[in-house]
Amino acid sequence: MYLDSTFTKRVLFSEEKVSNFVLNTRSGQQIPPHQHEDIDLILHVLKGGAELTVDGKTQENAAGDVIYCKGHETFSLKNNTCSDMSCFVVLAPRPGPKIYVDEIGNQ
């Protein structure tokens, strides 16, 4: 699901040791710089593309690309393409703070 007002996050499952979700963005939407504490992130671009920055290093990514980010690294994402983007995201170990595993966007 895509919303013009915000990116969306749909949790697929969240277990004791791992959590994963689908992240969707429209053109121009972004995920601000943040860290995941001691939680590693694996992001697989399913559709579209984005500019991803990890610890100040920016790269363009497209469908099929896989990105690995250690928890202490600062991560941000911007859909700088003209199309919608979807990513499959894995967080491991499962984050303790609920904010990391909550869905975002209307049901």
C-alpha atoms as a PDB file:
ATOM      1  CA  MET A   1       0.000   0.000   0.000  1.00  0.00           C
ATOM      2  CA  TYR A   2       1.238   3.469  -0.890  1.00  0.00           C
ATOM      3  CA  LEU A   3       0.088   6.747   0.665  1.00  0.00           C
ATOM      4  CA  ASP A   4       0.801  10.242  -0.602  1.00  0.00           C
ATOM      5  CA  SER A   5       1.107  11.556   2.964  1.00  0.00           C
ATOM      6  CA  THR A   6       3.744   9.145   4.333  1.00  0.00           C
ATOM      7  CA  PHE A   7       5.752   6.022   3.676  1.00  0.00           C
ATOM      8  CA  THR A   8       4.065   2.800   4.797  1.00  0.00           C
ATOM      9  CA  LYS A   9       5.385  -0.205   6.663  1.00  0.00           C
ATOM     10  CA  ARG A  10       3.550  -3.541   6.729  1.00  0.00           C
ATOM     11  CA  VAL A  11       4.860  -6.020   9.277  1.00  0.00           C
ATOM     12  CA  LEU A  12       4.984  -9.571   7.876  1.00  0.00           C
ATOM     13  CA  PHE A  13       6.108 -11.205  11.096  1.00  0.00           C
ATOM     14  CA  SER A  14       7.866 -10.268  14.279  1.00  0.00           C
ATOM     15  CA  GLU A  15       9.276 -13.067  16.381  1.00  0.00           C
ATOM     16  CA  GLU A  16      11.659 -13.244  19.322  1.00  0.00           C
ATOM     17  CA  LYS A  17      14.833 -13.111  17.213  1.00  0.00           C
ATOM     18  CA  VAL A  18      13.822 -11.430  13.960  1.00  0.00           C
ATOM     19  CA  SER A  19      11.320  -9.000  12.509  1.00  0.00           C
ATOM     20  CA  ASN A  20      10.552  -8.258   8.886  1.00  0.00           C
ATOM     21  CA  PHE A  21       8.288  -5.951   6.954  1.00  0.00           C
ATOM     22  CA  VAL A  22       7.626  -4.382   3.576  1.00  0.00           C
ATOM     23  CA  LEU A  23       8.493  -0.698   3.323  1.00  0.00           C
ATOM     24  CA  ASN A  24       6.721   1.336   0.616  1.00  0.00           C
ATOM     25  CA  THR A  25       7.511   4.878  -0.520  1.00  0.00           C
ATOM     26  CA  ARG A  26       6.175   7.185  -3.170  1.00  0.00           C
ATOM     27  CA  SER A  27       8.433   9.373  -5.278  1.00  0.00           C
ATOM     28  CA  GLY A  28      10.039  12.047  -3.083  1.00  0.00           C
ATOM     29  CA  GLN A  29       9.301  10.359   0.256  1.00  0.00           C
ATOM     30  CA  GLN A  30      12.162   9.610   2.600  1.00  0.00           C
ATOM     31  CA  ILE A  31      13.169   7.840   5.776  1.00  0.00           C
ATOM     32  CA  PRO A  32      15.180  10.280   7.917  1.00  0.00           C
ATOM     33  CA  PRO A  33      18.655   9.405   9.217  1.00  0.00           C
ATOM     34  CA  HIS A  34      18.504   7.027  12.179  1.00  0.00           C
ATOM     35  CA  GLN A  35      20.201   4.056  13.823  1.00  0.00           C
ATOM     36  CA  HIS A  36      18.886   0.701  14.952  1.00  0.00           C
ATOM     37  CA  GLU A  37      21.055   0.419  18.073  1.00  0.00           C
ATOM     38  CA  ASP A  38      22.511  -3.125  18.062  1.00  0.00           C
ATOM     39  CA  ILE A  39      20.062  -4.366  15.442  1.00  0.00           C
ATOM     40  CA  ASP A  40      21.320  -5.118  11.937  1.00  0.00           C
ATOM     41  CA  LEU A  41      19.221  -4.259   8.893  1.00  0.00           C
ATOM     42  CA  ILE A  42      19.009  -6.076   5.567  1.00  0.00           C
ATOM     43  CA  LEU A  43      17.042  -4.265   2.874  1.00  0.00           C
ATOM     44  CA  HIS A  44      16.109  -5.887  -0.470  1.00  0.00           C
ATOM     45  CA  VAL A  45      14.734  -3.475  -3.078  1.00  0.00           C
ATOM     46  CA  LEU A  46      11.764  -5.245  -4.677  1.00  0.00           C
ATOM     47  CA  LYS A  47      10.437  -2.476  -6.913  1.00  0.00           C
ATOM     48  CA  GLY A  48      11.632   0.963  -7.940  1.00  0.00           C
ATOM     49  CA  GLY A  49      14.758   2.531  -6.544  1.00  0.00           C
ATOM     50  CA  ALA A  50      16.146   4.923  -3.988  1.00  0.00           C
ATOM     51  CA  GLU A  51      19.145   6.822  -2.773  1.00  0.00           C
ATOM     52  CA  LEU A  52      20.457   5.132   0.371  1.00  0.00           C
ATOM     53  CA  THR A  53      22.962   6.670   2.733  1.00  0.00           C
ATOM     54  CA  VAL A  54      24.840   4.583   5.295  1.00  0.00           C
ATOM     55  CA  ASP A  55      27.237   6.446   7.586  1.00  0.00           C
ATOM     56  CA  GLY A  56      27.514   9.336   5.128  1.00  0.00           C
ATOM     57  CA  LYS A  57      28.146   7.180   2.040  1.00  0.00           C
ATOM     58  CA  THR A  58      25.367   7.556  -0.529  1.00  0.00           C
ATOM     59  CA  GLN A  59      24.566   5.128  -3.321  1.00  0.00           C
ATOM     60  CA  GLU A  60      21.776   4.666  -5.838  1.00  0.00           C
ATOM     61  CA  ASN A  61      19.883   1.390  -5.548  1.00  0.00           C
ATOM     62  CA  ALA A  62      17.359  -0.301  -7.819  1.00  0.00           C
ATOM     63  CA  ALA A  63      15.146  -3.383  -7.846  1.00  0.00           C
ATOM     64  CA  GLY A  64      17.168  -6.476  -6.994  1.00  0.00           C
ATOM     65  CA  ASP A  65      19.778  -4.695  -4.869  1.00  0.00           C
ATOM     66  CA  VAL A  66      20.407  -5.856  -1.307  1.00  0.00           C
ATOM     67  CA  ILE A  67      21.861  -3.546   1.341  1.00  0.00           C
ATOM     68  CA  TYR A  68      23.307  -4.540   4.714  1.00  0.00           C
ATOM     69  CA  CYS A  69      23.574  -1.994   7.516  1.00  0.00           C
ATOM     70  CA  LYS A  70      25.026  -2.644  10.975  1.00  0.00           C
ATOM     71  CA  GLY A  71      22.915  -1.362  13.845  1.00  0.00           C
ATOM     72  CA  HIS A  72      25.361   1.332  14.924  1.00  0.00           C
ATOM     73  CA  GLU A  73      25.540   2.809  11.392  1.00  0.00           C
ATOM     74  CA  THR A  74      23.339   5.786  10.527  1.00  0.00           C
ATOM     75  CA  PHE A  75      20.894   4.911   7.740  1.00  0.00           C
ATOM     76  CA  SER A  76      18.572   7.021   5.571  1.00  0.00           C
ATOM     77  CA  LEU A  77      16.620   6.438   2.388  1.00  0.00           C
ATOM     78  CA  LYS A  78      15.093   8.763  -0.196  1.00  0.00           C
ATOM     79  CA  ASN A  79      12.942   7.689  -3.126  1.00  0.00           C
ATOM     80  CA  ASN A  80      14.463  10.035  -5.689  1.00  0.00           C
ATOM     81  CA  THR A  81      12.885   8.243  -8.643  1.00  0.00           C
ATOM     82  CA  CYS A  82       9.643   8.962 -10.501  1.00  0.00           C
ATOM     83  CA  SER A  83       8.017   5.704  -9.381  1.00  0.00           C
ATOM     84  CA  ASP A  84       6.894   3.919  -6.228  1.00  0.00           C
ATOM     85  CA  MET A  85       9.419   1.821  -4.350  1.00  0.00           C
ATOM     86  CA  SER A  86       8.979  -1.316  -2.225  1.00  0.00           C
ATOM     87  CA  CYS A  87      11.604  -3.000  -0.048  1.00  0.00           C
ATOM     88  CA  PHE A  88      11.653  -6.177   2.004  1.00  0.00           C
ATOM     89  CA  VAL A  89      13.373  -5.373   5.306  1.00  0.00           C
ATOM     90  CA  VAL A  90      14.783  -7.726   7.935  1.00  0.00           C
ATOM     91  CA  LEU A  91      15.811  -6.537  11.416  1.00  0.00           C
ATOM     92  CA  ALA A  92      17.853  -8.968  13.505  1.00  0.00           C
ATOM     93  CA  PRO A  93      17.896  -9.491  16.332  1.00  0.00           C
ATOM     94  CA  ARG A  94      14.312  -8.356  16.785  1.00  0.00           C
ATOM     95  CA  PRO A  95      14.234  -4.790  18.115  1.00  0.00           C
ATOM     96  CA  GLY A  96      13.105  -4.218  21.683  1.00  0.00           C
ATOM     97  CA  PRO A  97      11.667  -0.719  21.150  1.00  0.00           C
ATOM     98  CA  LYS A  98       8.134  -1.097  19.783  1.00  0.00           C
ATOM     99  CA  ILE A  99       8.620   1.799  17.343  1.00  0.00           C
ATOM    100  CA  TYR A 100      10.778  -0.434  15.137  1.00  0.00           C
ATOM    101  CA  VAL A 101       8.096  -3.106  14.726  1.00  0.00           C
ATOM    102  CA  ASP A 102       4.933  -0.982  14.496  1.00  0.00           C
ATOM    103  CA  GLU A 103       3.108  -0.632  11.210  1.00  0.00           C
ATOM    104  CA  ILE A 104       2.989   2.812   9.600  1.00  0.00           C
ATOM    105  CA  GLY A 105       0.155   4.057   7.392  1.00  0.00           C
ATOM    106  CA  ASN A 106      -3.559   3.392   7.310  1.00  0.00           C
ATOM    107  CA  GLN A 107      -4.819  -0.161   7.232  1.00  0.00           C
END
